[in-house]
C-alpha atoms as a PDB file:
ATOM      1  CA  MET A   1     225.430 236.569  60.788  1.00  0.00           C
ATOM      2  CA  PRO A   2     221.302 236.134  59.192  1.00  0.00           C
ATOM      3  CA  LYS A   3     220.056 239.045  57.620  1.00  0.00           C
ATOM      4  CA  THR A   4     216.499 240.375  59.071  1.00  0.00           C
ATOM      5  CA  ALA A   5     213.872 240.711  56.972  1.00  0.00           C
ATOM      6  CA  THR A   6     210.491 242.703  57.935  1.00  0.00           C
ATOM      7  CA  LEU A   7     207.554 242.862  56.326  1.00  0.00           C
ATOM      8  CA  ASN A   8     205.522 246.217  55.824  1.00  0.00           C
ATOM      9  CA  GLY A   9     207.889 248.160  57.367  1.00  0.00           C
ATOM     10  CA  ASN A  10     206.853 246.467  61.030  1.00  0.00           C
ATOM     11  CA  THR A  11     209.832 246.210  62.368  1.00  0.00           C
ATOM     12  CA  GLY A  12     208.129 245.075  65.586  1.00  0.00           C
ATOM     13  CA  ALA A  13     207.211 241.472  63.061  1.00  0.00           C
ATOM     14  CA  SER A  14     211.151 241.434  61.921  1.00  0.00           C
ATOM     15  CA  MET A  15     212.419 237.599  61.850  1.00  0.00           C
ATOM     16  CA  GLN A  16     215.707 235.923  60.732  1.00  0.00           C
ATOM     17  CA  ALA A  17     216.180 234.728  57.114  1.00  0.00           C
ATOM     18  CA  TYR A  18     218.642 231.755  57.365  1.00  0.00           C
ATOM     19  CA  GLN A  19     220.907 232.007  55.003  1.00  0.00           C
ATOM     20  CA  GLY A  20     223.548 228.724  54.292  1.00  0.00           C
ATOM     21  CA  GLN A  21     222.464 225.187  54.868  1.00  0.00           C
ATOM     22  CA  GLU A  22     219.065 223.890  54.592  1.00  0.00           C
ATOM     23  CA  ARG A  23     218.065 222.851  58.479  1.00  0.00           C
ATOM     24  CA  ARG A  24     214.643 220.495  57.704  1.00  0.00           C
ATOM     25  CA  GLN A  25     215.233 216.849  59.200  1.00  0.00           C
ATOM     26  CA  VAL A  26     212.612 215.912  56.713  1.00  0.00           C
ATOM     27  CA  GLN A  27     212.074 215.411  53.237  1.00  0.00           C
ATOM     28  CA  ARG A  28     209.537 218.836  51.902  1.00  0.00           C
ATOM     29  CA  THR A  29     207.829 218.237  48.940  1.00  0.00           C
ATOM     30  CA  LYS A  30     207.806 221.062  46.442  1.00  0.00           C
ATOM     31  CA  LEU A  31     203.676 220.756  44.532  1.00  0.00           C
ATOM     32  CA  VAL A  32     203.636 220.831  41.382  1.00  0.00           C
ATOM     33  CA  THR A  33     199.698 222.455  41.772  1.00  0.00           C
ATOM     34  CA  PHE A  34     199.791 224.867  44.423  1.00  0.00           C
ATOM     35  CA  CYS A  35     196.342 224.538  46.750  1.00  0.00           C
ATOM     36  CA  PRO A  36     194.033 227.186  47.959  1.00  0.00           C
ATOM     37  CA  VAL A  37     194.486 227.857  51.814  1.00  0.00           C
ATOM     38  CA  HIS A  38     192.573 230.176  54.030  1.00  0.00           C
ATOM     39  CA  PHE A  39     192.946 231.501  57.553  1.00  0.00           C
ATOM     40  CA  SER A  40     192.345 234.896  59.204  1.00  0.00           C
ATOM     41  CA  PHE A  41     194.466 236.985  60.660  1.00  0.00           C
ATOM     42  CA  GLY A  42     193.387 240.125  62.718  1.00  0.00           C
ATOM     43  CA  GLN A  43     189.762 240.711  61.908  1.00  0.00           C
ATOM     44  CA  LYS A  44     190.593 239.671  58.562  1.00  0.00           C
ATOM     45  CA  THR A  45     190.107 236.200  56.554  1.00  0.00           C
ATOM     46  CA  TYR A  46     192.549 235.623  53.522  1.00  0.00           C
ATOM     47  CA  GLU A  47     193.532 233.261  50.884  1.00  0.00           C
ATOM     48  CA  ALA A  48     197.121 232.054  50.266  1.00  0.00           C
ATOM     49  CA  MET A  49     198.423 228.970  48.515  1.00  0.00           C
ATOM     50  CA  MET A  50     200.405 226.602  49.985  1.00  0.00           C
ATOM     51  CA  VAL A  51     203.745 226.239  47.848  1.00  0.00           C
ATOM     52  CA  ASP A  52     205.842 223.038  49.386  1.00  0.00           C
ATOM     53  CA  VAL A  53     204.753 220.808  52.529  1.00  0.00           C
ATOM     54  CA  SER A  54     206.306 218.602  54.742  1.00  0.00           C
ATOM     55  CA  GLU A  55     205.551 216.551  58.223  1.00  0.00           C
ATOM     56  CA  ARG A  56     206.572 219.565  60.680  1.00  0.00           C
ATOM     57  CA  GLY A  57     205.307 222.683  58.658  1.00  0.00           C
ATOM     58  CA  ALA A  58     204.297 224.370  55.162  1.00  0.00           C
ATOM     59  CA  ARG A  59     205.868 227.205  53.145  1.00  0.00           C
ATOM     60  CA  PHE A  60     202.408 229.631  52.233  1.00  0.00           C
ATOM     61  CA  THR A  61     202.261 232.511  49.518  1.00  0.00           C
ATOM     62  CA  ILE A  62     199.013 235.703  49.108  1.00  0.00           C
ATOM     63  CA  GLU A  63     199.716 235.745  45.264  1.00  0.00           C
ATOM     64  CA  ASP A  64     198.878 239.583  45.553  1.00  0.00           C
ATOM     65  CA  HIS A  65     200.681 241.963  45.720  1.00  0.00           C
ATOM     66  CA  THR A  66     198.477 244.997  47.223  1.00  0.00           C
ATOM     67  CA  VAL A  67     198.177 242.474  50.612  1.00  0.00           C
ATOM     68  CA  HIS A  68     201.128 243.078  53.025  1.00  0.00           C
ATOM     69  CA  LEU A  69     200.300 241.380  56.784  1.00  0.00           C
ATOM     70  CA  ALA A  70     203.179 242.021  59.585  1.00  0.00           C
ATOM     71  CA  LEU A  71     203.001 238.158  60.850  1.00  0.00           C
ATOM     72  CA  ALA A  72     204.883 238.071  63.968  1.00  0.00           C
ATOM     73  CA  HIS A  73     207.191 235.290  65.159  1.00  0.00           C
ATOM     74  CA  GLY A  74     205.446 232.630  66.894  1.00  0.00           C
ATOM     75  CA  THR A  75     202.001 233.641  65.690  1.00  0.00           C
ATOM     76  CA  VAL A  76     199.115 230.889  66.259  1.00  0.00           C
ATOM     77  CA  LEU A  77     197.304 230.962  62.742  1.00  0.00           C
ATOM     78  CA  SER A  78     194.274 227.823  62.089  1.00  0.00           C
ATOM     79  CA  TYR A  79     194.423 227.287  58.518  1.00  0.00           C
ATOM     80  CA  THR A  80     191.533 225.357  55.776  1.00  0.00           C
ATOM     81  CA  ILE A  81     193.689 224.099  52.796  1.00  0.00           C
ATOM     82  CA  LYS A  82     192.181 222.613  49.618  1.00  0.00           C
ATOM     83  CA  THR A  83     194.308 219.440  48.914  1.00  0.00           C
ATOM     84  CA  PRO A  84     193.748 217.939  45.490  1.00  0.00           C
ATOM     85  CA  TYR A  85     191.877 215.496  48.109  1.00  0.00           C
ATOM     86  CA  GLY A  86     189.818 217.062  49.690  1.00  0.00           C
ATOM     87  CA  SER A  87     189.616 219.361  52.235  1.00  0.00           C
ATOM     88  CA  SER A  88     191.988 219.754  55.667  1.00  0.00           C
ATOM     89  CA  GLU A  89     191.973 221.963  58.626  1.00  0.00           C
ATOM     90  CA  CYS A  90     195.564 222.430  60.411  1.00  0.00           C
ATOM     91  CA  THR A  91     197.379 224.478  63.046  1.00  0.00           C
ATOM     92  CA  GLY A  92     200.798 226.281  62.745  1.00  0.00           C
ATOM     93  CA  LYS A  93     202.463 228.480  63.998  1.00  0.00           C
ATOM     94  CA  ILE A  94     204.621 230.975  62.091  1.00  0.00           C
ATOM     95  CA  ALA A  95     208.016 230.354  61.857  1.00  0.00           C
ATOM     96  CA  TRP A  96     209.763 232.844  59.154  1.00  0.00           C
ATOM     97  CA  ALA A  97     208.157 235.269  57.177  1.00  0.00           C
ATOM     98  CA  ARG A  98     209.261 237.904  54.224  1.00  0.00           C
ATOM     99  CA  LEU A  99     208.732 239.311  51.012  1.00  0.00           C
ATOM    100  CA  ILE A 100     209.835 237.605  47.872  1.00  0.00           C
ATOM    101  CA  ASP A 101     209.104 239.054  44.425  1.00  0.00           C
ATOM    102  CA  GLY A 102     207.476 241.047  46.455  1.00  0.00           C
ATOM    103  CA  LEU A 103     204.477 238.890  47.996  1.00  0.00           C
ATOM    104  CA  ASP A 104     203.986 237.780  51.321  1.00  0.00           C
ATOM    105  CA  ASN A 105     205.568 234.066  51.836  1.00  0.00           C
ATOM    106  CA  TRP A 106     205.819 232.488  54.748  1.00  0.00           C
ATOM    107  CA  GLY A 107     206.647 229.236  57.043  1.00  0.00           C
ATOM    108  CA  VAL A 108     205.091 227.321  59.126  1.00  0.00           C
ATOM    109  CA  ALA A 109     205.249 224.739  61.990  1.00  0.00           C
ATOM    110  CA  PHE A 110     202.326 222.504  63.040  1.00  0.00           C
ATOM    111  CA  THR A 111     201.492 222.415  65.882  1.00  0.00           C
ATOM    112  CA  GLU A 112     197.490 220.772  65.078  1.00  0.00           C
ATOM    113  CA  LEU A 113     198.246 218.212  62.248  1.00  0.00           C
ATOM    114  CA  SER A 114     195.230 215.093  61.874  1.00  0.00           C
ATOM    115  CA  SER A 115     197.756 211.739  62.465  1.00  0.00           C
ATOM    116  CA  ASP A 116     194.234 210.352  60.375  1.00  0.00           C
ATOM    117  CA  GLU A 117     196.424 208.613  57.360  1.00  0.00           C
ATOM    118  CA  LYS A 118     192.624 209.451  54.981  1.00  0.00           C
ATOM    119  CA  ASP A 119     193.027 213.661  56.586  1.00  0.00           C
ATOM    120  CA  PRO A 120     193.332 214.888  52.994  1.00  0.00           C
ATOM    121  CA  LEU A 121     196.190 217.104  53.533  1.00  0.00           C
ATOM    122  CA  ARG A 122     198.261 213.518  55.261  1.00  0.00           C
ATOM    123  CA  CYS A 123     197.332 212.662  52.145  1.00  0.00           C
ATOM    124  CA  LEU A 124     199.098 215.142  50.310  1.00  0.00           C
ATOM    125  CA  ILE A 125     202.044 214.860  53.240  1.00  0.00           C
ATOM    126  CA  ASP A 126     202.428 211.065  52.530  1.00  0.00           C
ATOM    127  CA  ASN A 127     201.477 210.800  48.721  1.00  0.00           C
ATOM    128  CA  PRO A 128     202.594 213.510  46.713  1.00  0.00           C
ATOM    129  CA  PHE A 129     201.843 214.379  43.313  1.00  0.00           C
END
């Protein structure tokens, strides 16, 4: 039975934390150097780090113990990501969110991702460091 993870005490933002076999259908790249990310949620802009990425999605973390967002499953957010190849933009839907070591972490399924082979995020996915 999956456990429910709740961010910031908000039961409306609870999500299923999967425990068991890996469900990914594509290889994910654990980044050697995290990529800074900017995104807006509510009325504020936040900075986070992209810690891994695949063709279908990415995982992000906010490295500030004082920031806890109630990211609800299915919420769509736009991201500006600074990769070693340059800056790129993408959009993703929240697939899961939970606290890890007291920090907000969440995964997104990309809903918009450039197919241009010269796009910096596409370059990182295709040619990871």
